[in-house]
Amino acid sequence: MLAVRLVPLFPFGWVNYAAAFTAVGWRDYLVGTGVGILPGTVAYVALGGAVARPGTPVFFAVLGLLLAVLAGGW
């Protein structure tokens, strides 16, 4: 579940339905989802906060974080 949540290509709803039809337990689902969505959430929130100031070092650091999250998912 954790690996699937880290890949941004899989739609959230489809993963939910797929998990319901597999042998994934609720505890594994809950922990995998909770931990798996944190890096992307942090990166998107930080990018949203930095987008008002493009060209600043913070903007490029956050953009690098977002790209790292996307590359890590692959």
PDB file of N, CA and C in Angstrom:
ATOM      1  N   MET A   1       0.812  -1.172   0.000  1.00  0.00           N
ATOM      2  CA  MET A   1       0.000   0.000   0.000  1.00  0.00           C
ATOM      3  C   MET A   1       0.862   1.244   0.000  1.00  0.00           C
ATOM      4  N   LEU A   2       1.943   1.208   0.758  1.00  0.00           N
ATOM      5  CA  LEU A   2       2.837   2.358   0.826  1.00  0.00           C
ATOM      6  C   LEU A   2       3.454   2.657  -0.531  1.00  0.00           C
ATOM      7  N   ALA A   3       3.904   1.642  -1.212  1.00  0.00           N
ATOM      8  CA  ALA A   3       4.518   1.845  -2.527  1.00  0.00           C
ATOM      9  C   ALA A   3       3.519   2.396  -3.538  1.00  0.00           C
ATOM     10  N   VAL A   4       2.302   1.947  -3.486  1.00  0.00           N
ATOM     11  CA  VAL A   4       1.281   2.418  -4.421  1.00  0.00           C
ATOM     12  C   VAL A   4       0.923   3.870  -4.138  1.00  0.00           C
ATOM     13  N   ARG A   5       0.861   4.250  -2.886  1.00  0.00           N
ATOM     14  CA  ARG A   5       0.524   5.630  -2.534  1.00  0.00           C
ATOM     15  C   ARG A   5       1.636   6.602  -2.914  1.00  0.00           C
ATOM     16  N   LEU A   6       2.880   6.137  -2.965  1.00  0.00           N
ATOM     17  CA  LEU A   6       3.987   7.014  -3.324  1.00  0.00           C
ATOM     18  C   LEU A   6       4.054   7.304  -4.820  1.00  0.00           C
ATOM     19  N   VAL A   7       3.447   6.471  -5.629  1.00  0.00           N
ATOM     20  CA  VAL A   7       3.454   6.677  -7.083  1.00  0.00           C
ATOM     21  C   VAL A   7       2.294   7.603  -7.445  1.00  0.00           C
ATOM     22  N   PRO A   8       2.591   8.801  -7.951  1.00  0.00           N
ATOM     23  CA  PRO A   8       1.512   9.754  -8.216  1.00  0.00           C
ATOM     24  C   PRO A   8       0.691   9.434  -9.460  1.00  0.00           C
ATOM     25  N   LEU A   9       1.012   8.382 -10.163  1.00  0.00           N
ATOM     26  CA  LEU A   9       0.298   8.044 -11.391  1.00  0.00           C
ATOM     27  C   LEU A   9      -1.000   7.281 -11.148  1.00  0.00           C
ATOM     28  N   PHE A  10      -1.110   6.653  -9.986  1.00  0.00           N
ATOM     29  CA  PHE A  10      -2.297   5.866  -9.692  1.00  0.00           C
ATOM     30  C   PHE A  10      -3.359   6.760  -9.056  1.00  0.00           C
ATOM     31  N   PRO A  11      -4.536   6.855  -9.655  1.00  0.00           N
ATOM     32  CA  PRO A  11      -5.601   7.672  -9.067  1.00  0.00           C
ATOM     33  C   PRO A  11      -6.015   7.144  -7.697  1.00  0.00           C
ATOM     34  N   PHE A  12      -6.234   8.058  -6.793  1.00  0.00           N
ATOM     35  CA  PHE A  12      -6.533   7.709  -5.404  1.00  0.00           C
ATOM     36  C   PHE A  12      -7.766   6.813  -5.300  1.00  0.00           C
ATOM     37  N   GLY A  13      -8.815   7.148  -6.003  1.00  0.00           N
ATOM     38  CA  GLY A  13     -10.045   6.361  -5.936  1.00  0.00           C
ATOM     39  C   GLY A  13      -9.881   4.948  -6.450  1.00  0.00           C
ATOM     40  N   TRP A  14      -9.133   4.802  -7.537  1.00  0.00           N
ATOM     41  CA  TRP A  14      -8.913   3.458  -8.093  1.00  0.00           C
ATOM     42  C   TRP A  14      -8.133   2.580  -7.130  1.00  0.00           C
ATOM     43  N   VAL A  15      -7.167   3.172  -6.459  1.00  0.00           N
ATOM     44  CA  VAL A  15      -6.387   2.406  -5.476  1.00  0.00           C
ATOM     45  C   VAL A  15      -7.288   1.984  -4.318  1.00  0.00           C
ATOM     46  N   ASN A  16      -8.191   2.846  -3.915  1.00  0.00           N
ATOM     47  CA  ASN A  16      -9.125   2.493  -2.842  1.00  0.00           C
ATOM     48  C   ASN A  16      -9.966   1.278  -3.230  1.00  0.00           C
ATOM     49  N   TYR A  17     -10.533   1.310  -4.434  1.00  0.00           N
ATOM     50  CA  TYR A  17     -11.351   0.186  -4.889  1.00  0.00           C
ATOM     51  C   TYR A  17     -10.517  -1.085  -5.056  1.00  0.00           C
ATOM     52  N   ALA A  18      -9.319  -0.952  -5.594  1.00  0.00           N
ATOM     53  CA  ALA A  18      -8.460  -2.122  -5.771  1.00  0.00           C
ATOM     54  C   ALA A  18      -8.098  -2.741  -4.429  1.00  0.00           C
ATOM     55  N   ALA A  19      -7.832  -1.913  -3.440  1.00  0.00           N
ATOM     56  CA  ALA A  19      -7.496  -2.437  -2.113  1.00  0.00           C
ATOM     57  C   ALA A  19      -8.676  -3.164  -1.491  1.00  0.00           C
ATOM     58  N   ALA A  20      -9.880  -2.720  -1.801  1.00  0.00           N
ATOM     59  CA  ALA A  20     -11.068  -3.378  -1.249  1.00  0.00           C
ATOM     60  C   ALA A  20     -11.243  -4.788  -1.801  1.00  0.00           C
ATOM     61  N   PHE A  21     -10.763  -5.031  -3.007  1.00  0.00           N
ATOM     62  CA  PHE A  21     -10.909  -6.347  -3.629  1.00  0.00           C
ATOM     63  C   PHE A  21      -9.701  -7.249  -3.434  1.00  0.00           C
ATOM     64  N   THR A  22      -8.713  -6.798  -2.668  1.00  0.00           N
ATOM     65  CA  THR A  22      -7.533  -7.613  -2.394  1.00  0.00           C
ATOM     66  C   THR A  22      -7.518  -8.003  -0.926  1.00  0.00           C
ATOM     67  N   ALA A  23      -6.449  -8.666  -0.537  1.00  0.00           N
ATOM     68  CA  ALA A  23      -6.327  -9.133   0.841  1.00  0.00           C
ATOM     69  C   ALA A  23      -5.618  -8.121   1.740  1.00  0.00           C
ATOM     70  N   VAL A  24      -5.610  -6.851   1.351  1.00  0.00           N
ATOM     71  CA  VAL A  24      -4.979  -5.827   2.173  1.00  0.00           C
ATOM     72  C   VAL A  24      -5.832  -5.609   3.420  1.00  0.00           C
ATOM     73  N   GLY A  25      -5.206  -5.742   4.580  1.00  0.00           N
ATOM     74  CA  GLY A  25      -5.925  -5.536   5.837  1.00  0.00           C
ATOM     75  C   GLY A  25      -6.132  -4.053   6.098  1.00  0.00           C
ATOM     76  N   TRP A  26      -7.068  -3.724   6.955  1.00  0.00           N
ATOM     77  CA  TRP A  26      -7.374  -2.316   7.207  1.00  0.00           C
ATOM     78  C   TRP A  26      -6.210  -1.603   7.858  1.00  0.00           C
ATOM     79  N   ARG A  27      -5.451  -2.305   8.702  1.00  0.00           N
ATOM     80  CA  ARG A  27      -4.303  -1.684   9.367  1.00  0.00           C
ATOM     81  C   ARG A  27      -3.211  -1.356   8.349  1.00  0.00           C
ATOM     82  N   ASP A  28      -2.918  -2.291   7.445  1.00  0.00           N
ATOM     83  CA  ASP A  28      -1.922  -2.039   6.406  1.00  0.00           C
ATOM     84  C   ASP A  28      -2.373  -0.907   5.482  1.00  0.00           C
ATOM     85  N   TYR A  29      -3.651  -0.890   5.177  1.00  0.00           N
ATOM     86  CA  TYR A  29      -4.204   0.170   4.334  1.00  0.00           C
ATOM     87  C   TYR A  29      -4.068   1.531   5.012  1.00  0.00           C
ATOM     88  N   LEU A  30      -4.430   1.588   6.277  1.00  0.00           N
ATOM     89  CA  LEU A  30      -4.395   2.844   7.016  1.00  0.00           C
ATOM     90  C   LEU A  30      -2.969   3.375   7.172  1.00  0.00           C
ATOM     91  N   VAL A  31      -2.050   2.523   7.580  1.00  0.00           N
ATOM     92  CA  VAL A  31      -0.660   2.955   7.766  1.00  0.00           C
ATOM     93  C   VAL A  31      -0.020   3.297   6.424  1.00  0.00           C
ATOM     94  N   GLY A  32      -0.221   2.466   5.420  1.00  0.00           N
ATOM     95  CA  GLY A  32       0.355   2.724   4.107  1.00  0.00           C
ATOM     96  C   GLY A  32      -0.160   4.010   3.495  1.00  0.00           C
ATOM     97  N   THR A  33      -1.436   4.280   3.648  1.00  0.00           N
ATOM     98  CA  THR A  33      -2.010   5.511   3.116  1.00  0.00           C
ATOM     99  C   THR A  33      -1.516   6.715   3.908  1.00  0.00           C
ATOM    100  N   GLY A  34      -1.527   6.612   5.218  1.00  0.00           N
ATOM    101  CA  GLY A  34      -1.101   7.730   6.058  1.00  0.00           C
ATOM    102  C   GLY A  34       0.340   8.139   5.820  1.00  0.00           C
ATOM    103  N   VAL A  35       1.217   7.169   5.740  1.00  0.00           N
ATOM    104  CA  VAL A  35       2.637   7.457   5.512  1.00  0.00           C
ATOM    105  C   VAL A  35       2.894   7.791   4.042  1.00  0.00           C
ATOM    106  N   GLY A  36       2.191   7.132   3.144  1.00  0.00           N
ATOM    107  CA  GLY A  36       2.447   7.295   1.717  1.00  0.00           C
ATOM    108  C   GLY A  36       2.023   8.629   1.139  1.00  0.00           C
ATOM    109  N   ILE A  37       1.031   9.273   1.736  1.00  0.00           N
ATOM    110  CA  ILE A  37       0.595  10.554   1.184  1.00  0.00           C
ATOM    111  C   ILE A  37       1.310  11.745   1.821  1.00  0.00           C
ATOM    112  N   LEU A  38       2.064  11.529   2.884  1.00  0.00           N
ATOM    113  CA  LEU A  38       2.751  12.638   3.547  1.00  0.00           C
ATOM    114  C   LEU A  38       3.782  13.357   2.675  1.00  0.00           C
ATOM    115  N   PRO A  39       4.701  12.651   1.994  1.00  0.00           N
ATOM    116  CA  PRO A  39       5.705  13.383   1.202  1.00  0.00           C
ATOM    117  C   PRO A  39       5.087  14.248   0.102  1.00  0.00           C
ATOM    118  N   GLY A  40       4.121  13.728  -0.597  1.00  0.00           N
ATOM    119  CA  GLY A  40       3.476  14.496  -1.652  1.00  0.00           C
ATOM    120  C   GLY A  40       2.702  15.682  -1.103  1.00  0.00           C
ATOM    121  N   THR A  41       2.030  15.479   0.017  1.00  0.00           N
ATOM    122  CA  THR A  41       1.270  16.568   0.632  1.00  0.00           C
ATOM    123  C   THR A  41       2.186  17.694   1.070  1.00  0.00           C
ATOM    124  N   VAL A  42       3.286  17.346   1.716  1.00  0.00           N
ATOM    125  CA  VAL A  42       4.248  18.364   2.152  1.00  0.00           C
ATOM    126  C   VAL A  42       4.819  19.102   0.947  1.00  0.00           C
ATOM    127  N   ALA A  43       5.177  18.380  -0.093  1.00  0.00           N
ATOM    128  CA  ALA A  43       5.759  19.012  -1.278  1.00  0.00           C
ATOM    129  C   ALA A  43       4.762  19.943  -1.967  1.00  0.00           C
ATOM    130  N   TYR A  44       3.520  19.509  -2.101  1.00  0.00           N
ATOM    131  CA  TYR A  44       2.517  20.345  -2.768  1.00  0.00           C
ATOM    132  C   TYR A  44       2.166  21.583  -1.940  1.00  0.00           C
ATOM    133  N   VAL A  45       2.067  21.444  -0.639  1.00  0.00           N
ATOM    134  CA  VAL A  45       1.767  22.591   0.214  1.00  0.00           C
ATOM    135  C   VAL A  45       2.924  23.583   0.197  1.00  0.00           C
ATOM    136  N   ALA A  46       4.141  23.075   0.272  1.00  0.00           N
ATOM    137  CA  ALA A  46       5.309  23.963   0.231  1.00  0.00           C
ATOM    138  C   ALA A  46       5.413  24.666  -1.115  1.00  0.00           C
ATOM    139  N   LEU A  47       5.136  23.955  -2.192  1.00  0.00           N
ATOM    140  CA  LEU A  47       5.173  24.578  -3.515  1.00  0.00           C
ATOM    141  C   LEU A  47       4.081  25.630  -3.632  1.00  0.00           C
ATOM    142  N   GLY A  48       2.920  25.360  -3.109  1.00  0.00           N
ATOM    143  CA  GLY A  48       1.838  26.341  -3.126  1.00  0.00           C
ATOM    144  C   GLY A  48       2.195  27.600  -2.359  1.00  0.00           C
ATOM    145  N   GLY A  49       2.912  27.455  -1.259  1.00  0.00           N
ATOM    146  CA  GLY A  49       3.331  28.611  -0.484  1.00  0.00           C
ATOM    147  C   GLY A  49       4.440  29.391  -1.154  1.00  0.00           C
ATOM    148  N   ALA A  50       5.280  28.716  -1.932  1.00  0.00           N
ATOM    149  CA  ALA A  50       6.426  29.363  -2.564  1.00  0.00           C
ATOM    150  C   ALA A  50       6.127  29.876  -3.967  1.00  0.00           C
ATOM    151  N   VAL A  51       5.011  29.484  -4.548  1.00  0.00           N
ATOM    152  CA  VAL A  51       4.711  29.856  -5.929  1.00  0.00           C
ATOM    153  C   VAL A  51       4.475  31.364  -6.077  1.00  0.00           C
ATOM    154  N   ALA A  52       4.123  32.031  -5.003  1.00  0.00           N
ATOM    155  CA  ALA A  52       3.906  33.475  -5.060  1.00  0.00           C
ATOM    156  C   ALA A  52       5.225  34.225  -5.229  1.00  0.00           C
ATOM    157  N   ARG A  53       6.344  33.553  -4.970  1.00  0.00           N
ATOM    158  CA  ARG A  53       7.653  34.183  -5.079  1.00  0.00           C
ATOM    159  C   ARG A  53       8.583  33.356  -5.970  1.00  0.00           C
ATOM    160  N   PRO A  54       8.254  33.216  -7.251  1.00  0.00           N
ATOM    161  CA  PRO A  54       9.116  32.419  -8.136  1.00  0.00           C
ATOM    162  C   PRO A  54      10.481  33.082  -8.291  1.00  0.00           C
ATOM    163  N   GLY A  55      11.488  32.251  -8.418  1.00  0.00           N
ATOM    164  CA  GLY A  55      12.852  32.752  -8.582  1.00  0.00           C
ATOM    165  C   GLY A  55      13.619  32.846  -7.283  1.00  0.00           C
ATOM    166  N   THR A  56      12.943  32.689  -6.148  1.00  0.00           N
ATOM    167  CA  THR A  56      13.642  32.737  -4.867  1.00  0.00           C
ATOM    168  C   THR A  56      14.263  31.380  -4.568  1.00  0.00           C
ATOM    169  N   PRO A  57      15.264  31.344  -3.701  1.00  0.00           N
ATOM    170  CA  PRO A  57      15.864  30.055  -3.339  1.00  0.00           C
ATOM    171  C   PRO A  57      14.853  29.083  -2.724  1.00  0.00           C
ATOM    172  N   VAL A  58      13.885  29.599  -1.988  1.00  0.00           N
ATOM    173  CA  VAL A  58      12.868  28.726  -1.388  1.00  0.00           C
ATOM    174  C   VAL A  58      12.037  28.059  -2.478  1.00  0.00           C
ATOM    175  N   PHE A  59      11.693  28.813  -3.507  1.00  0.00           N
ATOM    176  CA  PHE A  59      10.916  28.264  -4.612  1.00  0.00           C
ATOM    177  C   PHE A  59      11.659  27.109  -5.274  1.00  0.00           C
ATOM    178  N   PHE A  60      12.946  27.305  -5.540  1.00  0.00           N
ATOM    179  CA  PHE A  60      13.722  26.255  -6.206  1.00  0.00           C
ATOM    180  C   PHE A  60      13.951  25.055  -5.283  1.00  0.00           C
ATOM    181  N   ALA A  61      14.092  25.302  -3.995  1.00  0.00           N
ATOM    182  CA  ALA A  61      14.237  24.191  -3.049  1.00  0.00           C
ATOM    183  C   ALA A  61      12.961  23.358  -2.994  1.00  0.00           C
ATOM    184  N   VAL A  62      11.823  24.036  -2.967  1.00  0.00           N
ATOM    185  CA  VAL A  62      10.540  23.330  -2.924  1.00  0.00           C
ATOM    186  C   VAL A  62      10.285  22.605  -4.241  1.00  0.00           C
ATOM    187  N   LEU A  63      10.630  23.222  -5.347  1.00  0.00           N
ATOM    188  CA  LEU A  63      10.486  22.562  -6.641  1.00  0.00           C
ATOM    189  C   LEU A  63      11.361  21.308  -6.706  1.00  0.00           C
ATOM    190  N   GLY A  64      12.565  21.396  -6.161  1.00  0.00           N
ATOM    191  CA  GLY A  64      13.435  20.217  -6.080  1.00  0.00           C
ATOM    192  C   GLY A  64      12.843  19.130  -5.209  1.00  0.00           C
ATOM    193  N   LEU A  65      12.197  19.524  -4.108  1.00  0.00           N
ATOM    194  CA  LEU A  65      11.537  18.552  -3.235  1.00  0.00           C
ATOM    195  C   LEU A  65      10.397  17.855  -3.961  1.00  0.00           C
ATOM    196  N   LEU A  66       9.622  18.623  -4.703  1.00  0.00           N
ATOM    197  CA  LEU A  66       8.523  18.034  -5.461  1.00  0.00           C
ATOM    198  C   LEU A  66       9.038  17.060  -6.520  1.00  0.00           C
ATOM    199  N   LEU A  67      10.085  17.437  -7.213  1.00  0.00           N
ATOM    200  CA  LEU A  67      10.663  16.539  -8.214  1.00  0.00           C
ATOM    201  C   LEU A  67      11.247  15.286  -7.565  1.00  0.00           C
ATOM    202  N   ALA A  68      11.820  15.430  -6.381  1.00  0.00           N
ATOM    203  CA  ALA A  68      12.353  14.259  -5.663  1.00  0.00           C
ATOM    204  C   ALA A  68      11.236  13.307  -5.271  1.00  0.00           C
ATOM    205  N   VAL A  69      10.101  13.859  -4.840  1.00  0.00           N
ATOM    206  CA  VAL A  69       8.955  13.016  -4.483  1.00  0.00           C
ATOM    207  C   VAL A  69       8.446  12.279  -5.717  1.00  0.00           C
ATOM    208  N   LEU A  70       8.348  12.999  -6.828  1.00  0.00           N
ATOM    209  CA  LEU A  70       7.877  12.355  -8.069  1.00  0.00           C
ATOM    210  C   LEU A  70       8.851  11.286  -8.551  1.00  0.00           C
ATOM    211  N   ALA A  71      10.150  11.583  -8.487  1.00  0.00           N
ATOM    212  CA  ALA A  71      11.154  10.590  -8.897  1.00  0.00           C
ATOM    213  C   ALA A  71      11.176   9.403  -7.949  1.00  0.00           C
ATOM    214  N   GLY A  72      10.973   9.665  -6.658  1.00  0.00           N
ATOM    215  CA  GLY A  72      10.937   8.576  -5.678  1.00  0.00           C
ATOM    216  C   GLY A  72       9.763   7.640  -5.921  1.00  0.00           C
ATOM    217  N   GLY A  73       8.677   8.189  -6.425  1.00  0.00           N
ATOM    218  CA  GLY A  73       7.525   7.360  -6.736  1.00  0.00           C
ATOM    219  C   GLY A  73       7.785   6.412  -7.876  1.00  0.00           C
ATOM    220  N   TRP A  74       8.592   6.854  -8.809  1.00  0.00           N
ATOM    221  CA  TRP A  74       8.921   5.977  -9.952  1.00  0.00           C
ATOM    222  C   TRP A  74       9.823   4.878  -9.493  1.00  0.00           C
TER     223      TRP A  74
END
